[in-house]
Amino acid sequence: MDKAIYPGSFDPVTNGHLDIIKRCSEIVKELTVAVLENPRKKALFSVEERVEMLKRITAPFPNVTVDYFSGLLIDYAQKKNIFLIIKGLRAISDFEFEFQMALANRKLNPNIETLFMMTSNNYSYLSSSIVKEVASFGGDFSDLVPPEVYEMIKRKFSKSGCKKRSF
């Protein structure tokens, strides 16, 4: 496969996201990791901060680029001449939503396919929401995110005063 896009909100990036990125980078020639600017979600990190996180953790992968977009994924993919969307799945609940999105995307552009990639067992429970919850109460989330991201989350919660316990 030539090119693929792995979209998401990545607020923040987790080891589960990194797992999907690593595995995808091994099967496609070019992978674009694209941060969605989603107006329906209240993000902890700005789009610029999420792009920075992803650039730091994808630096070892020469075939991975990081970008951001707003609007329809299908429009962004077409503009970038990418015809394969990668979606990571953790559980059946993820599949239900992502399946609907894949069908809607196919309806909008039948030339773009969606590939579902199951997460590794180690990360099947992990989500950005869990990381934020643990971090907000001062819990140890160091093994849930890449080290570079860990420091950014620590700084964010120490600045916001959300920290309930010391890190």
N, C-alpha and C. Protein backbone atom coordinates (compact mmCIF):
# COMPACT_ATOMS: atom_id res chain seq x y z
N MET A 1 0.84 -1.18 0.00
CA MET A 1 0.00 0.00 0.00
C MET A 1 0.88 1.24 0.00
N ASP A 2 0.43 2.23 -0.73
CA ASP A 2 1.24 3.44 -0.84
C ASP A 2 1.05 4.41 0.31
N LYS A 3 -0.15 5.00 0.39
CA LYS A 3 -0.37 6.05 1.38
C LYS A 3 -1.62 5.75 2.20
N ALA A 4 -1.56 6.14 3.48
CA ALA A 4 -2.71 5.99 4.36
C ALA A 4 -2.75 7.17 5.31
N ILE A 5 -3.93 7.37 5.89
CA ILE A 5 -4.11 8.42 6.88
C ILE A 5 -4.66 7.79 8.15
N TYR A 6 -4.09 8.16 9.28
CA TYR A 6 -4.57 7.73 10.59
C TYR A 6 -5.07 8.99 11.30
N PRO A 7 -6.39 9.23 11.28
CA PRO A 7 -6.94 10.44 11.89
C PRO A 7 -7.35 10.21 13.34
N GLY A 8 -7.41 11.28 14.09
CA GLY A 8 -7.90 11.19 15.46
C GLY A 8 -7.81 12.52 16.15
N SER A 9 -8.37 12.58 17.36
CA SER A 9 -8.25 13.81 18.13
C SER A 9 -6.94 13.82 18.92
N PHE A 10 -6.45 12.66 19.32
CA PHE A 10 -5.14 12.53 19.98
C PHE A 10 -4.99 13.53 21.13
N ASP A 11 -5.98 13.53 22.02
CA ASP A 11 -6.00 14.51 23.12
C ASP A 11 -6.00 13.82 24.48
N PRO A 12 -4.87 13.35 24.95
CA PRO A 12 -3.52 13.35 24.38
C PRO A 12 -3.22 12.04 23.65
N VAL A 13 -2.04 11.99 23.07
CA VAL A 13 -1.55 10.78 22.42
C VAL A 13 -1.26 9.73 23.49
N THR A 14 -1.67 8.50 23.24
CA THR A 14 -1.43 7.40 24.19
C THR A 14 -0.49 6.37 23.57
N ASN A 15 -0.06 5.42 24.39
CA ASN A 15 0.74 4.31 23.87
C ASN A 15 -0.07 3.47 22.89
N GLY A 16 -1.38 3.45 23.03
CA GLY A 16 -2.24 2.76 22.07
C GLY A 16 -2.16 3.40 20.70
N HIS A 17 -2.19 4.73 20.66
CA HIS A 17 -2.04 5.44 19.39
C HIS A 17 -0.67 5.14 18.78
N LEU A 18 0.37 5.19 19.63
CA LEU A 18 1.72 4.94 19.14
C LEU A 18 1.84 3.53 18.57
N ASP A 19 1.20 2.57 19.20
CA ASP A 19 1.20 1.19 18.71
C ASP A 19 0.62 1.11 17.30
N ILE A 20 -0.51 1.77 17.08
CA ILE A 20 -1.13 1.76 15.74
C ILE A 20 -0.21 2.46 14.74
N ILE A 21 0.38 3.58 15.12
CA ILE A 21 1.28 4.31 14.23
C ILE A 21 2.47 3.44 13.83
N LYS A 22 3.10 2.79 14.80
CA LYS A 22 4.25 1.92 14.51
C LYS A 22 3.87 0.82 13.53
N ARG A 23 2.77 0.14 13.83
CA ARG A 23 2.36 -0.99 13.00
C ARG A 23 1.96 -0.54 11.59
N CYS A 24 1.27 0.58 11.49
CA CYS A 24 0.89 1.09 10.16
C CYS A 24 2.11 1.53 9.37
N SER A 25 3.07 2.12 10.04
CA SER A 25 4.25 2.60 9.33
C SER A 25 5.04 1.45 8.70
N GLU A 26 4.81 0.26 9.20
CA GLU A 26 5.49 -0.92 8.65
C GLU A 26 4.77 -1.51 7.44
N ILE A 27 3.52 -1.09 7.21
CA ILE A 27 2.78 -1.70 6.09
C ILE A 27 2.41 -0.73 4.98
N VAL A 28 2.63 0.56 5.21
CA VAL A 28 2.38 1.53 4.14
C VAL A 28 3.66 2.32 3.87
N LYS A 29 3.78 2.82 2.66
CA LYS A 29 4.96 3.61 2.30
C LYS A 29 4.95 4.98 2.97
N GLU A 30 3.77 5.60 3.02
CA GLU A 30 3.62 6.92 3.64
C GLU A 30 2.40 6.92 4.53
N LEU A 31 2.58 7.32 5.78
CA LEU A 31 1.47 7.43 6.72
C LEU A 31 1.36 8.87 7.19
N THR A 32 0.16 9.43 7.04
CA THR A 32 -0.13 10.75 7.57
C THR A 32 -0.96 10.57 8.83
N VAL A 33 -0.46 11.07 9.94
CA VAL A 33 -1.22 11.09 11.18
C VAL A 33 -1.83 12.47 11.25
N ALA A 34 -3.16 12.53 11.23
CA ALA A 34 -3.85 13.82 11.13
C ALA A 34 -4.71 14.09 12.34
N VAL A 35 -4.46 15.21 12.97
CA VAL A 35 -5.21 15.64 14.15
C VAL A 35 -6.48 16.34 13.69
N LEU A 36 -7.59 15.83 14.18
CA LEU A 36 -8.89 16.42 13.88
C LEU A 36 -9.18 17.55 14.86
N GLU A 37 -9.51 18.68 14.30
CA GLU A 37 -10.00 19.79 15.12
C GLU A 37 -11.51 19.61 15.20
N ASN A 38 -11.96 19.00 16.31
CA ASN A 38 -13.36 18.62 16.46
C ASN A 38 -14.09 19.62 17.35
N PRO A 39 -14.98 20.44 16.79
CA PRO A 39 -15.67 21.44 17.60
C PRO A 39 -16.64 20.82 18.62
N ARG A 40 -17.00 19.54 18.46
CA ARG A 40 -17.91 18.90 19.41
C ARG A 40 -17.21 18.47 20.70
N LYS A 41 -15.88 18.40 20.68
CA LYS A 41 -15.14 17.97 21.86
C LYS A 41 -14.39 19.15 22.46
N LYS A 42 -14.40 19.23 23.79
CA LYS A 42 -13.60 20.24 24.48
C LYS A 42 -12.24 19.61 24.73
N ALA A 43 -11.26 20.07 24.01
CA ALA A 43 -9.92 19.48 24.08
C ALA A 43 -9.12 20.06 25.24
N LEU A 44 -8.30 19.21 25.84
CA LEU A 44 -7.36 19.64 26.87
C LEU A 44 -6.18 20.36 26.21
N PHE A 45 -5.72 19.81 25.09
CA PHE A 45 -4.58 20.37 24.38
C PHE A 45 -5.04 21.04 23.09
N SER A 46 -4.37 22.10 22.73
CA SER A 46 -4.68 22.77 21.46
C SER A 46 -4.26 21.87 20.30
N VAL A 47 -4.75 22.18 19.12
CA VAL A 47 -4.35 21.42 17.93
C VAL A 47 -2.84 21.49 17.77
N GLU A 48 -2.27 22.68 17.99
CA GLU A 48 -0.83 22.84 17.84
C GLU A 48 -0.06 21.97 18.83
N GLU A 49 -0.54 21.87 20.06
CA GLU A 49 0.13 21.03 21.06
C GLU A 49 0.02 19.55 20.68
N ARG A 50 -1.13 19.14 20.17
CA ARG A 50 -1.30 17.74 19.77
C ARG A 50 -0.42 17.40 18.57
N VAL A 51 -0.31 18.32 17.64
CA VAL A 51 0.59 18.12 16.49
C VAL A 51 2.03 17.99 17.00
N GLU A 52 2.41 18.85 17.94
CA GLU A 52 3.77 18.79 18.50
C GLU A 52 4.02 17.45 19.19
N MET A 53 3.05 16.97 19.98
CA MET A 53 3.18 15.64 20.62
C MET A 53 3.47 14.57 19.58
N LEU A 54 2.65 14.58 18.55
CA LEU A 54 2.77 13.56 17.51
C LEU A 54 4.08 13.67 16.75
N LYS A 55 4.53 14.88 16.48
CA LYS A 55 5.82 15.05 15.79
C LYS A 55 6.96 14.49 16.64
N ARG A 56 6.89 14.70 17.93
CA ARG A 56 7.94 14.18 18.82
C ARG A 56 7.98 12.65 18.81
N ILE A 57 6.81 12.03 18.91
CA ILE A 57 6.81 10.57 19.02
C ILE A 57 6.96 9.86 17.69
N THR A 58 6.70 10.57 16.58
CA THR A 58 6.85 9.93 15.27
C THR A 58 8.19 10.24 14.62
N ALA A 59 9.03 11.02 15.28
CA ALA A 59 10.34 11.37 14.72
C ALA A 59 11.15 10.14 14.28
N PRO A 60 11.08 9.00 14.98
CA PRO A 60 11.85 7.83 14.55
C PRO A 60 11.32 7.15 13.28
N PHE A 61 10.17 7.57 12.80
CA PHE A 61 9.55 6.93 11.64
C PHE A 61 9.65 7.85 10.43
N PRO A 62 10.59 7.60 9.53
CA PRO A 62 10.80 8.52 8.40
C PRO A 62 9.63 8.58 7.42
N ASN A 63 8.77 7.59 7.42
CA ASN A 63 7.64 7.59 6.48
C ASN A 63 6.35 8.12 7.09
N VAL A 64 6.45 8.72 8.28
CA VAL A 64 5.26 9.26 8.96
C VAL A 64 5.35 10.79 8.99
N THR A 65 4.26 11.42 8.56
CA THR A 65 4.14 12.88 8.67
C THR A 65 2.93 13.19 9.54
N VAL A 66 2.96 14.35 10.14
CA VAL A 66 1.88 14.79 11.03
C VAL A 66 1.26 16.05 10.45
N ASP A 67 -0.06 16.11 10.49
CA ASP A 67 -0.79 17.25 9.96
C ASP A 67 -2.06 17.43 10.80
N TYR A 68 -2.86 18.41 10.47
CA TYR A 68 -4.15 18.60 11.14
C TYR A 68 -5.17 19.02 10.10
N PHE A 69 -6.44 18.85 10.47
CA PHE A 69 -7.51 19.26 9.56
C PHE A 69 -8.77 19.54 10.37
N SER A 70 -9.68 20.28 9.73
CA SER A 70 -11.02 20.44 10.28
C SER A 70 -11.97 20.15 9.13
N GLY A 71 -13.19 19.86 9.46
CA GLY A 71 -14.14 19.51 8.41
C GLY A 71 -14.19 18.01 8.21
N LEU A 72 -14.59 17.62 7.01
CA LEU A 72 -14.76 16.20 6.72
C LEU A 72 -13.43 15.52 6.43
N LEU A 73 -13.20 14.39 7.07
CA LEU A 73 -12.00 13.59 6.82
C LEU A 73 -11.89 13.23 5.35
N ILE A 74 -13.00 12.87 4.75
CA ILE A 74 -13.02 12.42 3.37
C ILE A 74 -12.53 13.54 2.43
N ASP A 75 -12.87 14.79 2.73
CA ASP A 75 -12.39 15.92 1.92
C ASP A 75 -10.89 16.11 2.09
N TYR A 76 -10.44 16.01 3.35
CA TYR A 76 -9.00 16.14 3.62
C TYR A 76 -8.21 15.04 2.91
N ALA A 77 -8.68 13.81 3.02
CA ALA A 77 -7.99 12.68 2.39
C ALA A 77 -7.91 12.87 0.88
N GLN A 78 -9.00 13.26 0.28
CA GLN A 78 -9.02 13.46 -1.17
C GLN A 78 -8.06 14.58 -1.58
N LYS A 79 -8.05 15.65 -0.81
CA LYS A 79 -7.15 16.77 -1.09
C LYS A 79 -5.69 16.32 -1.03
N LYS A 80 -5.38 15.40 -0.12
CA LYS A 80 -4.01 14.90 0.05
C LYS A 80 -3.72 13.70 -0.86
N ASN A 81 -4.71 13.31 -1.66
CA ASN A 81 -4.55 12.17 -2.57
C ASN A 81 -4.27 10.87 -1.80
N ILE A 82 -4.99 10.68 -0.69
CA ILE A 82 -4.89 9.49 0.15
C ILE A 82 -6.21 8.74 0.05
N PHE A 83 -6.13 7.43 -0.23
CA PHE A 83 -7.35 6.66 -0.46
C PHE A 83 -7.54 5.52 0.54
N LEU A 84 -6.77 5.56 1.65
CA LEU A 84 -6.90 4.55 2.69
C LEU A 84 -6.90 5.24 4.05
N ILE A 85 -7.95 5.01 4.82
CA ILE A 85 -8.09 5.53 6.17
C ILE A 85 -7.86 4.38 7.14
N ILE A 86 -7.00 4.59 8.12
CA ILE A 86 -6.73 3.60 9.17
C ILE A 86 -7.48 4.03 10.42
N LYS A 87 -8.24 3.12 10.99
CA LYS A 87 -8.93 3.40 12.25
C LYS A 87 -8.57 2.31 13.25
N GLY A 88 -8.11 2.72 14.42
CA GLY A 88 -7.78 1.78 15.49
C GLY A 88 -9.03 1.41 16.27
N LEU A 89 -9.14 0.14 16.61
CA LEU A 89 -10.30 -0.34 17.37
C LEU A 89 -9.83 -1.00 18.66
N ARG A 90 -10.50 -0.68 19.77
CA ARG A 90 -10.21 -1.30 21.05
C ARG A 90 -11.27 -2.31 21.43
N ALA A 91 -12.52 -1.97 21.18
CA ALA A 91 -13.62 -2.80 21.66
C ALA A 91 -14.78 -2.75 20.67
N ILE A 92 -15.77 -3.54 20.93
CA ILE A 92 -16.94 -3.58 20.05
C ILE A 92 -17.61 -2.21 19.99
N SER A 93 -17.60 -1.49 21.08
CA SER A 93 -18.21 -0.15 21.08
C SER A 93 -17.50 0.77 20.09
N ASP A 94 -16.19 0.66 19.96
CA ASP A 94 -15.46 1.44 18.95
C ASP A 94 -15.92 1.03 17.56
N PHE A 95 -16.06 -0.27 17.35
CA PHE A 95 -16.41 -0.77 16.02
C PHE A 95 -17.74 -0.20 15.55
N GLU A 96 -18.71 -0.18 16.43
CA GLU A 96 -20.05 0.29 16.05
C GLU A 96 -20.00 1.71 15.48
N PHE A 97 -19.33 2.61 16.19
CA PHE A 97 -19.23 3.99 15.74
C PHE A 97 -18.38 4.09 14.48
N GLU A 98 -17.22 3.44 14.49
CA GLU A 98 -16.31 3.54 13.35
C GLU A 98 -16.88 2.90 12.09
N PHE A 99 -17.67 1.85 12.27
CA PHE A 99 -18.32 1.21 11.13
C PHE A 99 -19.30 2.18 10.47
N GLN A 100 -20.09 2.88 11.28
CA GLN A 100 -21.01 3.89 10.75
C GLN A 100 -20.26 4.98 10.01
N MET A 101 -19.14 5.43 10.59
CA MET A 101 -18.34 6.48 9.94
C MET A 101 -17.77 5.98 8.62
N ALA A 102 -17.29 4.73 8.60
CA ALA A 102 -16.72 4.17 7.37
C ALA A 102 -17.77 4.09 6.27
N LEU A 103 -18.98 3.68 6.63
CA LEU A 103 -20.05 3.60 5.65
C LEU A 103 -20.44 4.99 5.14
N ALA A 104 -20.48 5.96 6.03
CA ALA A 104 -20.80 7.33 5.62
C ALA A 104 -19.70 7.87 4.71
N ASN A 105 -18.44 7.59 5.05
CA ASN A 105 -17.33 8.04 4.22
C ASN A 105 -17.37 7.37 2.84
N ARG A 106 -17.72 6.09 2.81
CA ARG A 106 -17.82 5.39 1.53
C ARG A 106 -18.94 5.98 0.68
N LYS A 107 -20.03 6.36 1.32
CA LYS A 107 -21.14 7.00 0.61
C LYS A 107 -20.69 8.33 0.00
N LEU A 108 -19.90 9.09 0.77
CA LEU A 108 -19.41 10.38 0.29
C LEU A 108 -18.34 10.24 -0.79
N ASN A 109 -17.51 9.21 -0.66
CA ASN A 109 -16.45 8.99 -1.66
C ASN A 109 -16.13 7.49 -1.73
N PRO A 110 -16.71 6.77 -2.69
CA PRO A 110 -16.51 5.32 -2.79
C PRO A 110 -15.09 4.91 -3.15
N ASN A 111 -14.23 5.87 -3.49
CA ASN A 111 -12.84 5.56 -3.84
C ASN A 111 -11.93 5.46 -2.61
N ILE A 112 -12.43 5.88 -1.47
CA ILE A 112 -11.62 5.85 -0.24
C ILE A 112 -12.09 4.71 0.64
N GLU A 113 -11.14 3.85 1.02
CA GLU A 113 -11.44 2.69 1.86
C GLU A 113 -11.03 2.95 3.30
N THR A 114 -11.66 2.23 4.22
CA THR A 114 -11.29 2.28 5.63
C THR A 114 -10.80 0.92 6.05
N LEU A 115 -9.65 0.90 6.71
CA LEU A 115 -9.06 -0.32 7.25
C LEU A 115 -9.10 -0.24 8.76
N PHE A 116 -9.70 -1.25 9.40
CA PHE A 116 -9.75 -1.28 10.85
C PHE A 116 -8.57 -2.09 11.36
N MET A 117 -7.84 -1.54 12.32
CA MET A 117 -6.71 -2.22 12.92
C MET A 117 -6.98 -2.40 14.40
N MET A 118 -6.96 -3.64 14.84
CA MET A 118 -7.18 -3.92 16.26
C MET A 118 -5.98 -3.49 17.08
N THR A 119 -6.24 -2.92 18.22
CA THR A 119 -5.17 -2.53 19.11
C THR A 119 -4.49 -3.77 19.69
N SER A 120 -3.29 -3.61 20.16
CA SER A 120 -2.62 -4.69 20.88
C SER A 120 -3.36 -4.92 22.19
N ASN A 121 -3.33 -6.15 22.67
CA ASN A 121 -4.00 -6.49 23.93
C ASN A 121 -3.58 -5.58 25.07
N ASN A 122 -2.32 -5.18 25.07
CA ASN A 122 -1.80 -4.34 26.16
C ASN A 122 -2.55 -3.01 26.28
N TYR A 123 -3.19 -2.57 25.19
CA TYR A 123 -3.80 -1.24 25.17
C TYR A 123 -5.30 -1.27 24.95
N SER A 124 -5.92 -2.41 25.05
CA SER A 124 -7.35 -2.52 24.73
C SER A 124 -8.24 -1.69 25.66
N TYR A 125 -7.78 -1.37 26.83
CA TYR A 125 -8.55 -0.58 27.80
C TYR A 125 -8.23 0.91 27.72
N LEU A 126 -7.18 1.26 27.00
CA LEU A 126 -6.60 2.59 27.08
C LEU A 126 -7.28 3.58 26.14
N SER A 127 -7.56 4.76 26.67
CA SER A 127 -8.11 5.85 25.87
C SER A 127 -7.52 7.17 26.38
N SER A 128 -7.62 8.19 25.56
CA SER A 128 -7.17 9.51 25.98
C SER A 128 -7.97 10.00 27.19
N SER A 129 -9.25 9.64 27.22
CA SER A 129 -10.10 10.05 28.36
C SER A 129 -9.61 9.43 29.66
N ILE A 130 -9.19 8.17 29.62
CA ILE A 130 -8.67 7.52 30.82
C ILE A 130 -7.40 8.20 31.28
N VAL A 131 -6.52 8.52 30.34
CA VAL A 131 -5.27 9.20 30.68
C VAL A 131 -5.57 10.53 31.36
N LYS A 132 -6.49 11.31 30.80
CA LYS A 132 -6.82 12.61 31.39
C LYS A 132 -7.43 12.45 32.78
N GLU A 133 -8.27 11.44 32.94
CA GLU A 133 -8.89 11.20 34.25
C GLU A 133 -7.84 10.85 35.30
N VAL A 134 -6.96 9.93 34.97
CA VAL A 134 -5.92 9.52 35.91
C VAL A 134 -5.01 10.71 36.23
N ALA A 135 -4.61 11.44 35.20
CA ALA A 135 -3.72 12.59 35.40
C ALA A 135 -4.39 13.67 36.24
N SER A 136 -5.68 13.89 36.04
CA SER A 136 -6.38 14.96 36.77
C SER A 136 -6.43 14.70 38.27
N PHE A 137 -6.36 13.42 38.65
CA PHE A 137 -6.37 13.08 40.07
C PHE A 137 -4.98 12.75 40.60
N GLY A 138 -3.96 13.04 39.78
CA GLY A 138 -2.59 12.85 40.24
C GLY A 138 -2.12 11.41 40.25
N GLY A 139 -2.84 10.53 39.55
CA GLY A 139 -2.43 9.12 39.48
C GLY A 139 -1.25 8.93 38.55
N ASP A 140 -0.65 7.76 38.63
CA ASP A 140 0.51 7.44 37.81
C ASP A 140 0.05 6.96 36.44
N PHE A 141 0.29 7.78 35.43
CA PHE A 141 -0.09 7.44 34.06
C PHE A 141 1.14 7.28 33.18
N SER A 142 2.31 7.15 33.79
CA SER A 142 3.57 7.13 33.04
C SER A 142 3.68 5.97 32.07
N ASP A 143 3.03 4.86 32.34
CA ASP A 143 3.11 3.73 31.41
C ASP A 143 1.96 3.72 30.40
N LEU A 144 1.16 4.78 30.37
CA LEU A 144 0.04 4.87 29.45
C LEU A 144 0.34 5.73 28.22
N VAL A 145 1.38 6.55 28.32
CA VAL A 145 1.72 7.49 27.25
C VAL A 145 3.23 7.48 27.01
N PRO A 146 3.66 7.90 25.81
CA PRO A 146 5.09 8.03 25.57
C PRO A 146 5.71 9.06 26.52
N PRO A 147 7.00 8.91 26.86
CA PRO A 147 7.63 9.82 27.83
C PRO A 147 7.50 11.30 27.48
N GLU A 148 7.63 11.65 26.19
CA GLU A 148 7.53 13.05 25.79
C GLU A 148 6.13 13.60 26.06
N VAL A 149 5.15 12.79 25.88
CA VAL A 149 3.76 13.18 26.12
C VAL A 149 3.49 13.27 27.61
N TYR A 150 4.08 12.37 28.38
CA TYR A 150 3.92 12.37 29.83
C TYR A 150 4.31 13.74 30.40
N GLU A 151 5.45 14.26 29.96
CA GLU A 151 5.91 15.56 30.47
C GLU A 151 4.94 16.68 30.08
N MET A 152 4.41 16.62 28.87
CA MET A 152 3.47 17.67 28.44
C MET A 152 2.18 17.62 29.27
N ILE A 153 1.72 16.42 29.58
CA ILE A 153 0.49 16.28 30.39
C ILE A 153 0.75 16.77 31.81
N LYS A 154 1.88 16.38 32.37
CA LYS A 154 2.23 16.84 33.73
C LYS A 154 2.22 18.37 33.79
N ARG A 155 2.85 19.00 32.81
CA ARG A 155 2.90 20.47 32.78
C ARG A 155 1.50 21.06 32.67
N LYS A 156 0.68 20.47 31.83
CA LYS A 156 -0.68 20.98 31.60
C LYS A 156 -1.49 20.95 32.91
N PHE A 157 -1.42 19.82 33.62
CA PHE A 157 -2.21 19.71 34.85
C PHE A 157 -1.61 20.52 35.99
N SER A 158 -0.30 20.69 36.02
CA SER A 158 0.27 21.49 37.10
C SER A 158 -0.03 22.97 36.87
N LYS A 159 -0.13 23.42 35.60
CA LYS A 159 -0.49 24.81 35.29
C LYS A 159 -1.95 25.08 35.57
N SER A 160 -2.81 24.08 35.31
CA SER A 160 -4.25 24.32 35.44
C SER A 160 -4.74 24.21 36.88
N GLY A 161 -3.89 23.67 37.74
CA GLY A 161 -4.29 23.54 39.13
C GLY A 161 -5.24 22.37 39.36
N CYS A 162 -5.39 21.48 38.37
CA CYS A 162 -6.28 20.34 38.50
C CYS A 162 -5.69 19.24 39.35
N LYS A 163 -4.42 19.30 39.57
CA LYS A 163 -3.71 18.23 40.26
C LYS A 163 -4.26 18.03 41.67
N LYS A 164 -4.68 16.83 41.98
CA LYS A 164 -5.21 16.53 43.31
C LYS A 164 -4.14 15.95 44.24
N ARG A 165 -3.16 15.25 43.64
CA ARG A 165 -2.02 14.71 44.39
C ARG A 165 -0.76 15.14 43.67
N SER A 166 0.37 15.04 44.33
CA SER A 166 1.61 15.39 43.65
C SER A 166 2.02 14.24 42.73
N PHE A 167 2.71 14.59 41.66
CA PHE A 167 3.15 13.59 40.69
C PHE A 167 4.32 12.81 41.20
